[in-house]
């Protein structure tokens, strides 16, 4: 069966013609595509092209020979795949550049450990210190607001926060660089 016959029968939905097309061109197209992209990707690309031909067979208009159409289509699909791959690599590199310093910081890998130790250290504070500290750091209240809420003086609030920070600084000394960033601990 020649290419013109295959094409005419394809338009009519002839599965044998499609099988002939596949058997005749699949391997050469994969070989051709592998000059541009990997073997695995080239097989997938050619399979997609063959599926496209079957799905669009009734509307498919080929101005050149079937052979030329298939090889040109394969080349264009390969170039698009390369362009897409380059785009993904650029995005990946951009994201990596933005966050690479974070991964180079050894403290980054201790965040879960830090979180657990902070919770434990805060829980071990005396109750009135813990409550005052939590309202200050987590409740985001001012010292005046805390004093009003707890019914104590502003000086008492300042003292409790100061004492809480001293206690936490001792208990969490290994994490001071991160704590100064998170809670305003003096280093």
C-alpha atoms as a PDB file:
ATOM      1  CA  UNK A   1       0.000   0.000   0.000  1.00  0.00           C
ATOM      2  CA  UNK A   2       1.524   3.365  -1.007  1.00  0.00           C
ATOM      3  CA  UNK A   3       1.289   6.609   0.993  1.00  0.00           C
ATOM      4  CA  UNK A   4      -1.523   8.102  -1.096  1.00  0.00           C
ATOM      5  CA  UNK A   5      -3.636   4.981  -0.591  1.00  0.00           C
ATOM      6  CA  UNK A   6      -2.875   4.955   3.134  1.00  0.00           C
ATOM      7  CA  UNK A   7      -3.868   8.617   3.391  1.00  0.00           C
ATOM      8  CA  UNK A   8      -7.135   8.144   1.484  1.00  0.00           C
ATOM      9  CA  UNK A   9      -8.110   5.100   3.518  1.00  0.00           C
ATOM     10  CA  UNK A  10      -7.132   6.914   6.726  1.00  0.00           C
ATOM     11  CA  UNK A  11      -9.600   9.709   5.896  1.00  0.00           C
ATOM     12  CA  UNK A  12     -12.307   7.045   5.779  1.00  0.00           C
ATOM     13  CA  UNK A  13     -11.274   5.631   9.175  1.00  0.00           C
ATOM     14  CA  UNK A  14      -9.671   2.437   7.892  1.00  0.00           C
ATOM     15  CA  UNK A  15      -7.835   0.836  10.803  1.00  0.00           C
ATOM     16  CA  UNK A  16      -5.706  -1.371   8.542  1.00  0.00           C
ATOM     17  CA  UNK A  17      -4.418   1.729   6.757  1.00  0.00           C
ATOM     18  CA  UNK A  18      -3.560   3.261  10.126  1.00  0.00           C
ATOM     19  CA  UNK A  19      -1.754   0.056  11.108  1.00  0.00           C
ATOM     20  CA  UNK A  20       0.214   0.188   7.840  1.00  0.00           C
ATOM     21  CA  UNK A  21       1.122   3.824   8.480  1.00  0.00           C
ATOM     22  CA  UNK A  22       2.283   2.969  11.985  1.00  0.00           C
ATOM     23  CA  UNK A  23       4.346  -0.049  10.903  1.00  0.00           C
ATOM     24  CA  UNK A  24       5.930   1.828   8.007  1.00  0.00           C
ATOM     25  CA  UNK A  25       6.874   5.058   9.795  1.00  0.00           C
ATOM     26  CA  UNK A  26       7.039   4.500  13.544  1.00  0.00           C
ATOM     27  CA  UNK A  27      10.634   3.191  13.725  1.00  0.00           C
ATOM     28  CA  UNK A  28      12.143   5.649  11.215  1.00  0.00           C
ATOM     29  CA  UNK A  29      10.403   8.583  12.951  1.00  0.00           C
ATOM     30  CA  UNK A  30      11.678   7.437  16.358  1.00  0.00           C
ATOM     31  CA  UNK A  31      15.185   7.154  14.938  1.00  0.00           C
ATOM     32  CA  UNK A  32      14.885  10.644  13.433  1.00  0.00           C
ATOM     33  CA  UNK A  33      13.512  12.144  16.664  1.00  0.00           C
ATOM     34  CA  UNK A  34      16.298  10.561  18.713  1.00  0.00           C
ATOM     35  CA  UNK A  35      18.746  12.918  16.979  1.00  0.00           C
ATOM     36  CA  UNK A  36      17.018  15.763  18.819  1.00  0.00           C
ATOM     37  CA  UNK A  37      15.770  14.235  22.072  1.00  0.00           C
ATOM     38  CA  UNK A  38      16.274  11.070  24.130  1.00  0.00           C
ATOM     39  CA  UNK A  39      15.174   7.688  22.801  1.00  0.00           C
ATOM     40  CA  UNK A  40      12.464   7.358  25.433  1.00  0.00           C
ATOM     41  CA  UNK A  41      11.097  10.826  24.724  1.00  0.00           C
ATOM     42  CA  UNK A  42      11.294  10.268  20.988  1.00  0.00           C
ATOM     43  CA  UNK A  43       9.118   7.154  21.215  1.00  0.00           C
ATOM     44  CA  UNK A  44       6.512   9.015  23.242  1.00  0.00           C
ATOM     45  CA  UNK A  45       6.613  11.956  20.859  1.00  0.00           C
ATOM     46  CA  UNK A  46       6.099   9.747  17.794  1.00  0.00           C
ATOM     47  CA  UNK A  47       3.273   7.882  19.534  1.00  0.00           C
ATOM     48  CA  UNK A  48       1.605  11.231  20.243  1.00  0.00           C
ATOM     49  CA  UNK A  49       2.022  12.201  16.587  1.00  0.00           C
ATOM     50  CA  UNK A  50       0.488   8.932  15.422  1.00  0.00           C
ATOM     51  CA  UNK A  51      -2.422   9.382  17.818  1.00  0.00           C
ATOM     52  CA  UNK A  52      -2.881  12.952  16.574  1.00  0.00           C
ATOM     53  CA  UNK A  53      -3.038  11.674  12.994  1.00  0.00           C
ATOM     54  CA  UNK A  54      -5.704   9.117  13.884  1.00  0.00           C
ATOM     55  CA  UNK A  55      -7.776  11.617  15.874  1.00  0.00           C
ATOM     56  CA  UNK A  56      -7.643  14.287  13.162  1.00  0.00           C
ATOM     57  CA  UNK A  57      -7.764  11.938  10.172  1.00  0.00           C
ATOM     58  CA  UNK A  58     -11.030  13.357   8.778  1.00  0.00           C
ATOM     59  CA  UNK A  59      -9.780  16.954   8.858  1.00  0.00           C
ATOM     60  CA  UNK A  60      -6.154  16.194   8.032  1.00  0.00           C
ATOM     61  CA  UNK A  61      -4.962  18.014   4.927  1.00  0.00           C
ATOM     62  CA  UNK A  62      -1.435  17.282   3.841  1.00  0.00           C
ATOM     63  CA  UNK A  63       0.015  19.589   1.171  1.00  0.00           C
ATOM     64  CA  UNK A  64       3.232  17.591   0.745  1.00  0.00           C
ATOM     65  CA  UNK A  65       3.886  13.898   0.721  1.00  0.00           C
ATOM     66  CA  UNK A  66       2.830  11.900   3.772  1.00  0.00           C
ATOM     67  CA  UNK A  67       6.473  11.055   4.429  1.00  0.00           C
ATOM     68  CA  UNK A  68       7.529  14.748   4.387  1.00  0.00           C
ATOM     69  CA  UNK A  69       4.587  15.707   6.580  1.00  0.00           C
ATOM     70  CA  UNK A  70       5.477  13.079   9.187  1.00  0.00           C
ATOM     71  CA  UNK A  71       9.160  13.986   9.334  1.00  0.00           C
ATOM     72  CA  UNK A  72       8.503  17.744   9.424  1.00  0.00           C
ATOM     73  CA  UNK A  73       5.873  17.253  12.129  1.00  0.00           C
ATOM     74  CA  UNK A  74       8.296  15.131  14.123  1.00  0.00           C
ATOM     75  CA  UNK A  75      11.007  17.775  13.828  1.00  0.00           C
ATOM     76  CA  UNK A  76       8.643  20.553  14.982  1.00  0.00           C
ATOM     77  CA  UNK A  77       7.441  18.472  17.910  1.00  0.00           C
ATOM     78  CA  UNK A  78      11.048  17.754  18.898  1.00  0.00           C
ATOM     79  CA  UNK A  79      11.952  21.446  18.766  1.00  0.00           C
ATOM     80  CA  UNK A  80       8.901  22.289  20.879  1.00  0.00           C
ATOM     81  CA  UNK A  81       9.897  19.604  23.391  1.00  0.00           C
ATOM     82  CA  UNK A  82      13.413  21.060  23.575  1.00  0.00           C
ATOM     83  CA  UNK A  83      12.014  24.559  24.059  1.00  0.00           C
ATOM     84  CA  UNK A  84       9.700  23.302  26.804  1.00  0.00           C
ATOM     85  CA  UNK A  85      12.587  21.475  28.510  1.00  0.00           C
ATOM     86  CA  UNK A  86      14.754  24.609  28.393  1.00  0.00           C
ATOM     87  CA  UNK A  87      11.903  26.634  29.849  1.00  0.00           C
ATOM     88  CA  UNK A  88      11.507  24.173  32.731  1.00  0.00           C
ATOM     89  CA  UNK A  89      15.256  24.235  33.361  1.00  0.00           C
ATOM     90  CA  UNK A  90      15.240  28.053  33.458  1.00  0.00           C
ATOM     91  CA  UNK A  91      12.341  28.039  35.940  1.00  0.00           C
ATOM     92  CA  UNK A  92      14.067  25.377  38.046  1.00  0.00           C
ATOM     93  CA  UNK A  93      17.323  27.369  38.084  1.00  0.00           C
ATOM     94  CA  UNK A  94      15.472  30.566  38.971  1.00  0.00           C
ATOM     95  CA  UNK A  95      13.712  28.904  41.901  1.00  0.00           C
ATOM     96  CA  UNK A  96      16.946  27.244  43.007  1.00  0.00           C
ATOM     97  CA  UNK A  97      18.779  30.589  42.982  1.00  0.00           C
ATOM     98  CA  UNK A  98      16.073  32.115  45.169  1.00  0.00           C
ATOM     99  CA  UNK A  99      16.153  29.376  47.824  1.00  0.00           C
ATOM    100  CA  UNK A 100      19.672  27.896  47.649  1.00  0.00           C
ATOM    101  CA  UNK A 101      20.956  29.977  50.564  1.00  0.00           C
ATOM    102  CA  UNK A 102      18.182  28.602  52.718  1.00  0.00           C
ATOM    103  CA  UNK A 103      19.382  25.044  52.048  1.00  0.00           C
ATOM    104  CA  UNK A 104      22.992  25.942  52.776  1.00  0.00           C
ATOM    105  CA  UNK A 105      22.039  27.227  56.242  1.00  0.00           C
ATOM    106  CA  UNK A 106      22.506  24.291  58.645  1.00  0.00           C
ATOM    107  CA  UNK A 107      19.821  25.718  60.931  1.00  0.00           C
ATOM    108  CA  UNK A 108      17.256  25.116  58.185  1.00  0.00           C
ATOM    109  CA  UNK A 109      17.457  21.383  58.816  1.00  0.00           C
ATOM    110  CA  UNK A 110      16.752  21.803  62.529  1.00  0.00           C
ATOM    111  CA  UNK A 111      13.479  23.703  62.206  1.00  0.00           C
ATOM    112  CA  UNK A 112      11.345  20.787  63.432  1.00  0.00           C
ATOM    113  CA  UNK A 113      13.756  20.180  66.286  1.00  0.00           C
ATOM    114  CA  UNK A 114      13.745  23.905  67.092  1.00  0.00           C
ATOM    115  CA  UNK A 115       9.951  24.100  67.044  1.00  0.00           C
ATOM    116  CA  UNK A 116       9.660  21.165  69.414  1.00  0.00           C
ATOM    117  CA  UNK A 117      12.266  22.583  71.789  1.00  0.00           C
ATOM    118  CA  UNK A 118      10.684  26.050  71.771  1.00  0.00           C
ATOM    119  CA  UNK A 119       7.276  24.629  72.659  1.00  0.00           C
ATOM    120  CA  UNK A 120       8.802  22.547  75.439  1.00  0.00           C
ATOM    121  CA  UNK A 121      10.820  25.470  76.841  1.00  0.00           C
ATOM    122  CA  UNK A 122       7.804  27.790  76.789  1.00  0.00           C
ATOM    123  CA  UNK A 123       5.672  25.160  78.544  1.00  0.00           C
ATOM    124  CA  UNK A 124       8.313  24.894  81.274  1.00  0.00           C
ATOM    125  CA  UNK A 125       8.161  28.632  82.042  1.00  0.00           C
ATOM    126  CA  UNK A 126       6.359  29.600  85.263  1.00  0.00           C
ATOM    127  CA  UNK A 127       2.666  30.008  84.496  1.00  0.00           C
ATOM    128  CA  UNK A 128       2.492  33.800  84.832  1.00  0.00           C
ATOM    129  CA  UNK A 129       5.673  34.209  82.706  1.00  0.00           C
ATOM    130  CA  UNK A 130       4.342  31.781  80.080  1.00  0.00           C
ATOM    131  CA  UNK A 131       0.999  33.594  79.837  1.00  0.00           C
ATOM    132  CA  UNK A 132       2.629  37.024  79.571  1.00  0.00           C
ATOM    133  CA  UNK A 133       5.206  35.814  77.049  1.00  0.00           C
ATOM    134  CA  UNK A 134       2.564  34.106  74.887  1.00  0.00           C
ATOM    135  CA  UNK A 135       0.385  37.225  74.818  1.00  0.00           C
ATOM    136  CA  UNK A 136       3.397  39.325  73.864  1.00  0.00           C
ATOM    137  CA  UNK A 137       4.928  37.117  71.188  1.00  0.00           C
ATOM    138  CA  UNK A 138       1.985  35.106  69.860  1.00  0.00           C
ATOM    139  CA  UNK A 139      -0.979  37.277  70.784  1.00  0.00           C
ATOM    140  CA  UNK A 140       0.808  40.329  69.393  1.00  0.00           C
ATOM    141  CA  UNK A 141      -0.474  42.513  72.220  1.00  0.00           C
ATOM    142  CA  UNK A 142       1.330  45.573  73.482  1.00  0.00           C
ATOM    143  CA  UNK A 143       2.649  45.641  77.033  1.00  0.00           C
ATOM    144  CA  UNK A 144      -0.174  48.038  78.019  1.00  0.00           C
ATOM    145  CA  UNK A 145      -2.797  45.690  76.556  1.00  0.00           C
ATOM    146  CA  UNK A 146      -1.257  42.724  78.375  1.00  0.00           C
ATOM    147  CA  UNK A 147      -1.164  44.673  81.652  1.00  0.00           C
ATOM    148  CA  UNK A 148      -4.851  45.563  81.301  1.00  0.00           C
ATOM    149  CA  UNK A 149      -5.804  42.016  80.382  1.00  0.00           C
ATOM    150  CA  UNK A 150      -3.904  40.427  83.276  1.00  0.00           C
ATOM    151  CA  UNK A 151      -4.629  43.167  85.796  1.00  0.00           C
ATOM    152  CA  UNK A 152      -0.959  43.883  86.503  1.00  0.00           C
ATOM    153  CA  UNK A 153       1.316  46.869  85.953  1.00  0.00           C
ATOM    154  CA  UNK A 154       3.221  47.492  82.732  1.00  0.00           C
ATOM    155  CA  UNK A 155       6.446  47.126  84.739  1.00  0.00           C
ATOM    156  CA  UNK A 156       5.345  43.649  85.809  1.00  0.00           C
ATOM    157  CA  UNK A 157       4.664  42.718  82.163  1.00  0.00           C
ATOM    158  CA  UNK A 158       8.095  43.997  81.117  1.00  0.00           C
ATOM    159  CA  UNK A 159       9.754  42.084  83.968  1.00  0.00           C
ATOM    160  CA  UNK A 160       7.970  38.809  83.102  1.00  0.00           C
ATOM    161  CA  UNK A 161       8.882  39.092  79.426  1.00  0.00           C
ATOM    162  CA  UNK A 162      12.487  39.917  80.309  1.00  0.00           C
ATOM    163  CA  UNK A 163      12.704  36.950  82.685  1.00  0.00           C
ATOM    164  CA  UNK A 164      11.045  34.650  80.122  1.00  0.00           C
ATOM    165  CA  UNK A 165      13.614  35.666  77.514  1.00  0.00           C
ATOM    166  CA  UNK A 166      16.482  35.012  79.948  1.00  0.00           C
ATOM    167  CA  UNK A 167      15.163  31.542  80.779  1.00  0.00           C
ATOM    168  CA  UNK A 168      14.502  30.684  77.140  1.00  0.00           C
ATOM    169  CA  UNK A 169      17.896  32.028  76.066  1.00  0.00           C
ATOM    170  CA  UNK A 170      19.590  29.568  78.459  1.00  0.00           C
ATOM    171  CA  UNK A 171      17.376  26.597  77.508  1.00  0.00           C
ATOM    172  CA  UNK A 172      17.639  27.290  73.771  1.00  0.00           C
ATOM    173  CA  UNK A 173      21.252  28.515  73.569  1.00  0.00           C
ATOM    174  CA  UNK A 174      22.022  26.228  70.603  1.00  0.00           C
ATOM    175  CA  UNK A 175      19.382  27.975  68.524  1.00  0.00           C
ATOM    176  CA  UNK A 176      20.117  31.628  69.342  1.00  0.00           C
ATOM    177  CA  UNK A 177      20.705  32.796  65.734  1.00  0.00           C
ATOM    178  CA  UNK A 178      17.270  31.556  64.678  1.00  0.00           C
ATOM    179  CA  UNK A 179      15.597  32.730  67.867  1.00  0.00           C
ATOM    180  CA  UNK A 180      16.883  36.263  67.442  1.00  0.00           C
ATOM    181  CA  UNK A 181      15.223  36.284  64.061  1.00  0.00           C
ATOM    182  CA  UNK A 182      11.957  34.671  65.183  1.00  0.00           C
ATOM    183  CA  UNK A 183      11.406  36.224  68.614  1.00  0.00           C
ATOM    184  CA  UNK A 184      13.715  39.188  68.802  1.00  0.00           C
ATOM    185  CA  UNK A 185      16.071  37.459  71.219  1.00  0.00           C
ATOM    186  CA  UNK A 186      19.285  39.398  71.698  1.00  0.00           C
ATOM    187  CA  UNK A 187      22.209  37.265  70.525  1.00  0.00           C
END
